[in-house]
Amino acid sequence: MKYLLANWKMHTTVEQAVALVQEIQHGLRERVARGQQLPHVIICPPFVSLVPLRAMADDHLVSLGAQNCHWEVEGPHTGEISPAMLTGLAQYVLVGHSERRAAGESDEQIASKVAAAAGAGLTPILFVGEDKPGAGAREQTELRLKQGISGINVGQQALLVVYEPAWAIGADRAADASHVEEMVIAIKNLLRQLGMSRPHVLYGGTVTKENIKQFRRLDVLDGVGATRASLNADGFLAMIDRMAFRR
C-alpha cells in the first residue's frame, strides 16, 4: 500500500500536535535507517496546528493536509478557511468527509470545494461511501463520486479518493475486507471511465494496527486512513510496520 492517511479531527492542542509529529518523524527516520520502505504519510491536524507543523515537517517523511476548506477565495464567511489560505501550509485537503456530510454539507458544496482546492494547487482527498450497508450502497457511493468530481478534469487533476462507509466510522469493527475490495474496484472502474488513468483509492473507517493486516492483502487498495490509531505515535508506527508497500 502506498498511502497512510491520519485525520486527527478535533484532537490535539498545538503543543500536542507538535510533540506527536516529532515522535512520528523520529520513528520514521529510524525505519528509513534500517532500510524499511515507508508509505506516503499524510497527516491532517486541526487548522491551528498547520503553521507550526509546516515549520518542522520533514517533507521526505510526512506531508500535511487540511481537514476542510471553503470554496471561495475570500469573503464574508466567518470561521471558514479558503484554499488560498492553505497554500504553502498543506499539500492536501480533505473534502466530503461523512461527518461534514452529516452536518449538512451538500453534494454541490463538496463539488465546489474539490474544484476550489484543485484550482489553488492543492490535491483534494475526496471521501465517498454509503450511509448504510446493504442494497444501494454501490449506487450511492458512485453517485457521490460523480458529483464530487464534476467540477474537475480527473484526467489532469491530482486526486485521492477515500472509500469511507459512514456506518463504519467510529464503529467497533471495520467493514469486511471483501466488501471493501468490491467497492474499491467499482470506484476505480468508474474513475477510469471518467478519464483517470491511474486512480488511487484508500479505505477509511475504523482501521487499527490490529485489523490493518486484512486490508494490506487487498492488491486493489492503495492505502488506508486512520483517526484514533494515528493519535498515538507507537500505534501509528506499528501500523506502518504491518503494512506491505507496493510502488
C-alpha atoms as a PDB file:
ATOM      1  CA  MET A   1       0.000   0.000   0.000  1.00  0.00           C
ATOM      2  CA  LYS A   2       1.244   3.446  -0.877  1.00  0.00           C
ATOM      3  CA  TYR A   3      -0.600   5.787   1.490  1.00  0.00           C
ATOM      4  CA  LEU A   4      -1.276   6.106   5.203  1.00  0.00           C
ATOM      5  CA  LEU A   5      -3.637   8.985   5.977  1.00  0.00           C
ATOM      6  CA  ALA A   6      -4.004  10.366   9.509  1.00  0.00           C
ATOM      7  CA  ASN A   7      -7.086  12.506  10.147  1.00  0.00           C
ATOM      8  CA  TRP A   8      -6.805  13.936  13.641  1.00  0.00           C
ATOM      9  CA  LYS A   9     -10.258  15.538  13.543  1.00  0.00           C
ATOM     10  CA  MET A  10     -10.833  17.756  16.620  1.00  0.00           C
ATOM     11  CA  HIS A  11      -7.994  16.238  18.631  1.00  0.00           C
ATOM     12  CA  THR A  12      -4.646  17.642  19.864  1.00  0.00           C
ATOM     13  CA  THR A  13      -3.684  21.093  21.022  1.00  0.00           C
ATOM     14  CA  VAL A  14      -0.896  22.806  19.099  1.00  0.00           C
ATOM     15  CA  GLU A  15       1.645  21.577  21.632  1.00  0.00           C
ATOM     16  CA  GLN A  16       0.333  18.021  21.478  1.00  0.00           C
ATOM     17  CA  ALA A  17       0.349  18.053  17.672  1.00  0.00           C
ATOM     18  CA  VAL A  18       3.962  19.218  17.516  1.00  0.00           C
ATOM     19  CA  ALA A  19       5.058  16.585  20.026  1.00  0.00           C
ATOM     20  CA  LEU A  20       3.171  13.851  18.172  1.00  0.00           C
ATOM     21  CA  VAL A  21       4.705  14.717  14.795  1.00  0.00           C
ATOM     22  CA  GLN A  22       8.150  14.832  16.407  1.00  0.00           C
ATOM     23  CA  GLU A  23       7.632  11.301  17.744  1.00  0.00           C
ATOM     24  CA  ILE A  24       6.280  10.024  14.440  1.00  0.00           C
ATOM     25  CA  GLN A  25       9.118  11.539  12.435  1.00  0.00           C
ATOM     26  CA  HIS A  26      11.693  10.150  14.853  1.00  0.00           C
ATOM     27  CA  GLY A  27      10.215   6.689  14.380  1.00  0.00           C
ATOM     28  CA  LEU A  28      10.110   7.083  10.603  1.00  0.00           C
ATOM     29  CA  ARG A  29      13.778   8.130  10.497  1.00  0.00           C
ATOM     30  CA  GLU A  30      14.709   5.016  12.484  1.00  0.00           C
ATOM     31  CA  ARG A  31      12.855   2.859   9.975  1.00  0.00           C
ATOM     32  CA  VAL A  32      14.491   4.555   7.000  1.00  0.00           C
ATOM     33  CA  ALA A  33      17.896   3.952   8.621  1.00  0.00           C
ATOM     34  CA  ARG A  34      17.036   0.244   8.838  1.00  0.00           C
ATOM     35  CA  GLY A  35      16.205   0.213   5.148  1.00  0.00           C
ATOM     36  CA  GLN A  36      12.445  -0.043   5.630  1.00  0.00           C
ATOM     37  CA  GLN A  37      10.312   1.297   2.799  1.00  0.00           C
ATOM     38  CA  LEU A  38       7.778   3.852   4.010  1.00  0.00           C
ATOM     39  CA  PRO A  39       4.341   4.709   2.699  1.00  0.00           C
ATOM     40  CA  HIS A  40       3.388   8.253   1.774  1.00  0.00           C
ATOM     41  CA  VAL A  41       2.277   9.511   5.202  1.00  0.00           C
ATOM     42  CA  ILE A  42      -0.293  12.326   5.142  1.00  0.00           C
ATOM     43  CA  ILE A  43      -1.148  13.993   8.454  1.00  0.00           C
ATOM     44  CA  CYS A  44      -4.236  16.199   8.696  1.00  0.00           C
ATOM     45  CA  PRO A  45      -4.187  18.110  12.010  1.00  0.00           C
ATOM     46  CA  PRO A  46      -6.589  20.837  13.156  1.00  0.00           C
ATOM     47  CA  PHE A  47      -6.127  24.133  11.294  1.00  0.00           C
ATOM     48  CA  VAL A  48      -4.401  25.827  14.232  1.00  0.00           C
ATOM     49  CA  SER A  49      -1.508  23.359  14.093  1.00  0.00           C
ATOM     50  CA  LEU A  50      -0.710  23.671  10.388  1.00  0.00           C
ATOM     51  CA  VAL A  51       1.614  26.670  10.762  1.00  0.00           C
ATOM     52  CA  PRO A  52       3.926  25.211  13.447  1.00  0.00           C
ATOM     53  CA  LEU A  53       3.848  21.776  11.808  1.00  0.00           C
ATOM     54  CA  ARG A  54       4.771  23.228   8.425  1.00  0.00           C
ATOM     55  CA  ALA A  55       7.872  24.695  10.052  1.00  0.00           C
ATOM     56  CA  MET A  56       9.025  21.325  11.395  1.00  0.00           C
ATOM     57  CA  ALA A  57       7.632  18.734   8.991  1.00  0.00           C
ATOM     58  CA  ASP A  58      10.222  16.753   7.058  1.00  0.00           C
ATOM     59  CA  ASP A  59       8.858  16.537   3.513  1.00  0.00           C
ATOM     60  CA  HIS A  60      10.789  13.315   2.967  1.00  0.00           C
ATOM     61  CA  LEU A  61       8.782  11.681   5.746  1.00  0.00           C
ATOM     62  CA  VAL A  62       5.355  13.305   6.011  1.00  0.00           C
ATOM     63  CA  SER A  63       3.014  15.536   4.050  1.00  0.00           C
ATOM     64  CA  LEU A  64       0.431  17.823   5.615  1.00  0.00           C
ATOM     65  CA  GLY A  65      -3.223  18.103   4.776  1.00  0.00           C
ATOM     66  CA  ALA A  66      -6.072  20.325   5.932  1.00  0.00           C
ATOM     67  CA  GLN A  67      -9.314  18.823   7.186  1.00  0.00           C
ATOM     68  CA  ASN A  68     -11.608  21.087   5.182  1.00  0.00           C
ATOM     69  CA  CYS A  69     -11.782  24.256   3.117  1.00  0.00           C
ATOM     70  CA  HIS A  70     -14.314  26.723   1.724  1.00  0.00           C
ATOM     71  CA  TRP A  71     -14.937  27.078  -1.991  1.00  0.00           C
ATOM     72  CA  GLU A  72     -14.492  30.864  -2.103  1.00  0.00           C
ATOM     73  CA  VAL A  73     -11.087  32.565  -2.268  1.00  0.00           C
ATOM     74  CA  GLU A  74     -12.157  35.139   0.329  1.00  0.00           C
ATOM     75  CA  GLY A  75     -15.262  36.898   1.573  1.00  0.00           C
ATOM     76  CA  PRO A  76     -17.771  37.244   4.416  1.00  0.00           C
ATOM     77  CA  HIS A  77     -17.543  33.660   5.664  1.00  0.00           C
ATOM     78  CA  THR A  78     -16.820  33.852   9.371  1.00  0.00           C
ATOM     79  CA  GLY A  79     -14.919  30.862  10.684  1.00  0.00           C
ATOM     80  CA  GLU A  80     -14.057  29.453   7.252  1.00  0.00           C
ATOM     81  CA  ILE A  81     -10.663  28.789   5.663  1.00  0.00           C
ATOM     82  CA  SER A  82     -10.117  29.258   1.928  1.00  0.00           C
ATOM     83  CA  PRO A  83      -7.868  27.096  -0.256  1.00  0.00           C
ATOM     84  CA  ALA A  84      -5.676  30.149  -0.875  1.00  0.00           C
ATOM     85  CA  MET A  85      -5.016  30.408   2.865  1.00  0.00           C
ATOM     86  CA  LEU A  86      -3.791  26.814   2.876  1.00  0.00           C
ATOM     87  CA  THR A  87      -1.317  27.291   0.058  1.00  0.00           C
ATOM     88  CA  GLY A  88       2.200  26.793   1.405  1.00  0.00           C
ATOM     89  CA  LEU A  89       0.908  25.134   4.572  1.00  0.00           C
ATOM     90  CA  ALA A  90      -0.691  21.977   3.207  1.00  0.00           C
ATOM     91  CA  GLN A  91      -0.412  19.847   0.106  1.00  0.00           C
ATOM     92  CA  TYR A  92      -3.727  18.050   0.563  1.00  0.00           C
ATOM     93  CA  VAL A  93      -7.229  18.904   1.769  1.00  0.00           C
ATOM     94  CA  LEU A  94      -9.989  16.559   2.921  1.00  0.00           C
ATOM     95  CA  VAL A  95     -13.343  17.093   1.228  1.00  0.00           C
ATOM     96  CA  GLY A  96     -16.694  15.397   1.763  1.00  0.00           C
ATOM     97  CA  HIS A  97     -15.924  13.504   4.969  1.00  0.00           C
ATOM     98  CA  SER A  98     -19.021  11.723   6.252  1.00  0.00           C
ATOM     99  CA  GLU A  99     -19.047  13.892   9.369  1.00  0.00           C
ATOM    100  CA  ARG A 100     -19.185  17.012   7.179  1.00  0.00           C
ATOM    101  CA  ARG A 101     -21.994  15.499   5.142  1.00  0.00           C
ATOM    102  CA  ALA A 102     -23.857  14.626   8.339  1.00  0.00           C
ATOM    103  CA  ALA A 103     -23.504  18.259   9.431  1.00  0.00           C
ATOM    104  CA  GLY A 104     -25.365  19.369   6.298  1.00  0.00           C
ATOM    105  CA  GLU A 105     -22.708  19.729   3.631  1.00  0.00           C
ATOM    106  CA  SER A 106     -24.334  19.199   0.239  1.00  0.00           C
ATOM    107  CA  ASP A 107     -23.045  17.415  -2.835  1.00  0.00           C
ATOM    108  CA  GLU A 108     -22.941  20.756  -4.647  1.00  0.00           C
ATOM    109  CA  GLN A 109     -20.813  22.323  -1.905  1.00  0.00           C
ATOM    110  CA  ILE A 110     -18.473  19.327  -1.919  1.00  0.00           C
ATOM    111  CA  ALA A 111     -18.019  19.573  -5.686  1.00  0.00           C
ATOM    112  CA  SER A 112     -17.273  23.299  -5.334  1.00  0.00           C
ATOM    113  CA  LYS A 113     -14.687  22.576  -2.633  1.00  0.00           C
ATOM    114  CA  VAL A 114     -12.957  19.928  -4.742  1.00  0.00           C
ATOM    115  CA  ALA A 115     -12.753  22.342  -7.676  1.00  0.00           C
ATOM    116  CA  ALA A 116     -11.573  25.231  -5.491  1.00  0.00           C
ATOM    117  CA  ALA A 117      -8.890  23.143  -3.807  1.00  0.00           C
ATOM    118  CA  ALA A 118      -7.653  21.866  -7.158  1.00  0.00           C
ATOM    119  CA  GLY A 119      -7.635  25.384  -8.550  1.00  0.00           C
ATOM    120  CA  ALA A 120      -5.423  26.528  -5.668  1.00  0.00           C
ATOM    121  CA  GLY A 121      -2.865  23.818  -6.392  1.00  0.00           C
ATOM    122  CA  LEU A 122      -3.904  21.508  -3.570  1.00  0.00           C
ATOM    123  CA  THR A 123      -4.646  17.815  -4.003  1.00  0.00           C
ATOM    124  CA  PRO A 124      -8.230  17.071  -2.937  1.00  0.00           C
ATOM    125  CA  ILE A 125      -8.837  13.922  -0.915  1.00  0.00           C
ATOM    126  CA  LEU A 126     -12.466  13.146  -1.664  1.00  0.00           C
ATOM    127  CA  PHE A 127     -14.428  10.925   0.726  1.00  0.00           C
ATOM    128  CA  VAL A 128     -17.261   8.858  -0.698  1.00  0.00           C
ATOM    129  CA  GLY A 129     -19.291   5.982   0.636  1.00  0.00           C
ATOM    130  CA  GLU A 130     -22.730   4.787   1.585  1.00  0.00           C
ATOM    131  CA  ASP A 131     -24.666   5.844   4.681  1.00  0.00           C
ATOM    132  CA  LYS A 132     -25.969   2.358   5.457  1.00  0.00           C
ATOM    133  CA  PRO A 133     -24.857  -1.149   4.456  1.00  0.00           C
ATOM    134  CA  GLY A 134     -26.946  -3.236   2.127  1.00  0.00           C
ATOM    135  CA  ALA A 135     -28.818  -2.584  -1.085  1.00  0.00           C
ATOM    136  CA  GLY A 136     -27.956   0.653  -2.838  1.00  0.00           C
ATOM    137  CA  ALA A 137     -24.500   1.027  -1.288  1.00  0.00           C
ATOM    138  CA  ARG A 138     -22.640   0.967  -4.590  1.00  0.00           C
ATOM    139  CA  GLU A 139     -25.127   3.273  -6.303  1.00  0.00           C
ATOM    140  CA  GLN A 140     -24.930   5.891  -3.535  1.00  0.00           C
ATOM    141  CA  THR A 141     -21.135   5.742  -3.460  1.00  0.00           C
ATOM    142  CA  GLU A 142     -20.779   6.063  -7.231  1.00  0.00           C
ATOM    143  CA  LEU A 143     -23.263   8.947  -7.347  1.00  0.00           C
ATOM    144  CA  ARG A 144     -21.334  10.839  -4.664  1.00  0.00           C
ATOM    145  CA  LEU A 145     -18.110  10.222  -6.546  1.00  0.00           C
ATOM    146  CA  LYS A 146     -19.500  11.545  -9.831  1.00  0.00           C
ATOM    147  CA  GLN A 147     -20.982  14.589  -8.125  1.00  0.00           C
ATOM    148  CA  GLY A 148     -17.803  15.288  -6.147  1.00  0.00           C
ATOM    149  CA  ILE A 149     -15.520  15.379  -9.179  1.00  0.00           C
ATOM    150  CA  SER A 150     -17.990  17.093 -11.510  1.00  0.00           C
ATOM    151  CA  GLY A 151     -16.020  20.364 -11.427  1.00  0.00           C
ATOM    152  CA  ILE A 152     -12.574  18.988 -12.311  1.00  0.00           C
ATOM    153  CA  ASN A 153     -10.901  17.084 -15.113  1.00  0.00           C
ATOM    154  CA  VAL A 154      -9.836  13.841 -13.443  1.00  0.00           C
ATOM    155  CA  GLY A 155      -7.577  13.080 -16.362  1.00  0.00           C
ATOM    156  CA  GLN A 156      -5.401  16.054 -15.477  1.00  0.00           C
ATOM    157  CA  GLN A 157      -6.006  16.807 -11.794  1.00  0.00           C
ATOM    158  CA  ALA A 158      -4.253  15.002  -8.937  1.00  0.00           C
ATOM    159  CA  LEU A 159      -6.867  13.412  -6.697  1.00  0.00           C
ATOM    160  CA  LEU A 160      -7.086  10.819  -3.947  1.00  0.00           C
ATOM    161  CA  VAL A 161     -10.355   9.085  -3.138  1.00  0.00           C
ATOM    162  CA  VAL A 162     -11.164   7.522   0.218  1.00  0.00           C
ATOM    163  CA  TYR A 163     -13.882   4.902   0.334  1.00  0.00           C
ATOM    164  CA  GLU A 164     -15.476   5.613   3.688  1.00  0.00           C
ATOM    165  CA  PRO A 165     -18.764   3.901   4.545  1.00  0.00           C
ATOM    166  CA  ALA A 166     -20.369   6.189   7.101  1.00  0.00           C
ATOM    167  CA  TRP A 167     -21.644   3.266   9.145  1.00  0.00           C
ATOM    168  CA  ALA A 168     -18.069   2.112   9.810  1.00  0.00           C
ATOM    169  CA  ILE A 169     -16.825   5.433  11.222  1.00  0.00           C
ATOM    170  CA  GLY A 170     -16.097   5.096  14.931  1.00  0.00           C
ATOM    171  CA  ALA A 171     -17.580   1.600  14.931  1.00  0.00           C
ATOM    172  CA  ASP A 172     -16.274  -1.376  16.858  1.00  0.00           C
ATOM    173  CA  ARG A 173     -15.045  -3.019  13.680  1.00  0.00           C
ATOM    174  CA  ALA A 174     -14.135  -2.025  10.145  1.00  0.00           C
ATOM    175  CA  ALA A 175     -16.044  -3.020   7.041  1.00  0.00           C
ATOM    176  CA  ASP A 176     -15.433  -6.548   5.797  1.00  0.00           C
ATOM    177  CA  ALA A 177     -12.409  -6.765   3.519  1.00  0.00           C
ATOM    178  CA  SER A 178     -14.394  -8.426   0.725  1.00  0.00           C
ATOM    179  CA  HIS A 179     -16.914  -5.576   0.744  1.00  0.00           C
ATOM    180  CA  VAL A 180     -14.114  -3.002   0.697  1.00  0.00           C
ATOM    181  CA  GLU A 181     -12.482  -4.779  -2.233  1.00  0.00           C
ATOM    182  CA  GLU A 182     -15.728  -4.826  -4.204  1.00  0.00           C
ATOM    183  CA  MET A 183     -16.375  -1.120  -3.606  1.00  0.00           C
ATOM    184  CA  VAL A 184     -12.822  -0.032  -4.362  1.00  0.00           C
ATOM    185  CA  ILE A 185     -12.899  -1.933  -7.661  1.00  0.00           C
ATOM    186  CA  ALA A 186     -16.159  -0.200  -8.564  1.00  0.00           C
ATOM    187  CA  ILE A 187     -14.737   3.235  -7.667  1.00  0.00           C
ATOM    188  CA  LYS A 188     -11.580   2.658  -9.704  1.00  0.00           C
ATOM    189  CA  ASN A 189     -13.539   1.392 -12.706  1.00  0.00           C
ATOM    190  CA  LEU A 190     -15.731   4.481 -12.629  1.00  0.00           C
ATOM    191  CA  LEU A 191     -12.741   6.809 -12.330  1.00  0.00           C
ATOM    192  CA  ARG A 192     -11.112   5.126 -15.326  1.00  0.00           C
ATOM    193  CA  GLN A 193     -14.317   5.528 -17.310  1.00  0.00           C
ATOM    194  CA  LEU A 194     -14.256   9.223 -16.448  1.00  0.00           C
ATOM    195  CA  GLY A 195     -10.704   9.648 -17.707  1.00  0.00           C
ATOM    196  CA  MET A 196      -8.334   8.933 -14.809  1.00  0.00           C
ATOM    197  CA  SER A 197      -5.564   6.620 -15.948  1.00  0.00           C
ATOM    198  CA  ARG A 198      -4.201   5.580 -12.535  1.00  0.00           C
ATOM    199  CA  PRO A 199      -6.789   6.098  -9.799  1.00  0.00           C
ATOM    200  CA  HIS A 200      -5.655   5.808  -6.175  1.00  0.00           C
ATOM    201  CA  VAL A 201      -8.276   4.742  -3.635  1.00  0.00           C
ATOM    202  CA  LEU A 202      -7.847   4.348   0.122  1.00  0.00           C
ATOM    203  CA  TYR A 203     -10.115   2.817   2.738  1.00  0.00           C
ATOM    204  CA  GLY A 204     -11.146   4.759   5.838  1.00  0.00           C
ATOM    205  CA  GLY A 205     -13.274   3.557   8.689  1.00  0.00           C
ATOM    206  CA  THR A 206     -12.009   2.108  11.990  1.00  0.00           C
ATOM    207  CA  VAL A 207      -8.602   0.971  10.743  1.00  0.00           C
ATOM    208  CA  THR A 208      -6.260  -0.084  13.556  1.00  0.00           C
ATOM    209  CA  LYS A 209      -2.886  -1.739  13.954  1.00  0.00           C
ATOM    210  CA  GLU A 210      -4.791  -4.957  14.722  1.00  0.00           C
ATOM    211  CA  ASN A 211      -7.020  -5.098  11.634  1.00  0.00           C
ATOM    212  CA  ILE A 212      -4.759  -3.443   9.073  1.00  0.00           C
ATOM    213  CA  LYS A 213      -3.485  -6.863   8.009  1.00  0.00           C
ATOM    214  CA  GLN A 214      -6.816  -7.698   6.361  1.00  0.00           C
ATOM    215  CA  PHE A 215      -6.529  -4.616   4.163  1.00  0.00           C
ATOM    216  CA  ARG A 216      -2.871  -4.939   3.203  1.00  0.00           C
ATOM    217  CA  ARG A 217      -3.780  -8.167   1.408  1.00  0.00           C
ATOM    218  CA  LEU A 218      -6.069  -6.278  -0.997  1.00  0.00           C
ATOM    219  CA  ASP A 219      -3.995  -5.580  -4.094  1.00  0.00           C
ATOM    220  CA  VAL A 220      -6.624  -3.158  -5.374  1.00  0.00           C
ATOM    221  CA  LEU A 221      -6.276  -0.913  -2.313  1.00  0.00           C
ATOM    222  CA  ASP A 222      -3.718   1.925  -2.342  1.00  0.00           C
ATOM    223  CA  GLY A 223      -3.741   2.762   1.342  1.00  0.00           C
ATOM    224  CA  VAL A 224      -5.783   3.310   4.478  1.00  0.00           C
ATOM    225  CA  GLY A 225      -6.835   6.155   6.713  1.00  0.00           C
ATOM    226  CA  ALA A 226      -6.953   6.228  10.499  1.00  0.00           C
ATOM    227  CA  THR A 227      -8.029   8.573  13.285  1.00  0.00           C
ATOM    228  CA  ARG A 228      -7.832   7.021  16.729  1.00  0.00           C
ATOM    229  CA  ALA A 229      -4.925   4.808  15.709  1.00  0.00           C
ATOM    230  CA  SER A 230      -2.972   7.825  14.479  1.00  0.00           C
ATOM    231  CA  LEU A 231      -3.201   9.789  17.716  1.00  0.00           C
ATOM    232  CA  ASN A 232      -0.585   7.614  19.387  1.00  0.00           C
ATOM    233  CA  ALA A 233       2.879   7.562  17.834  1.00  0.00           C
ATOM    234  CA  ASP A 234       3.676   3.972  18.811  1.00  0.00           C
ATOM    235  CA  GLY A 235       0.361   2.719  17.473  1.00  0.00           C
ATOM    236  CA  PHE A 236       0.699   4.694  14.258  1.00  0.00           C
ATOM    237  CA  LEU A 237       4.224   3.426  13.670  1.00  0.00           C
ATOM    238  CA  ALA A 238       3.043  -0.108  14.365  1.00  0.00           C
ATOM    239  CA  MET A 239       0.530   0.304  11.552  1.00  0.00           C
ATOM    240  CA  ILE A 240       3.389   1.230   9.222  1.00  0.00           C
ATOM    241  CA  ASP A 241       5.333  -1.841  10.303  1.00  0.00           C
ATOM    242  CA  ARG A 242       2.363  -4.054   9.463  1.00  0.00           C
ATOM    243  CA  MET A 243       1.717  -2.580   6.028  1.00  0.00           C
ATOM    244  CA  ALA A 244       3.020  -4.166   2.845  1.00  0.00           C
ATOM    245  CA  PHE A 245       4.034  -1.461   0.416  1.00  0.00           C
ATOM    246  CA  ARG A 246       3.800  -1.528  -3.336  1.00  0.00           C
ATOM    247  CA  ARG A 247       5.422   1.108  -5.522  1.00  0.00           C
END
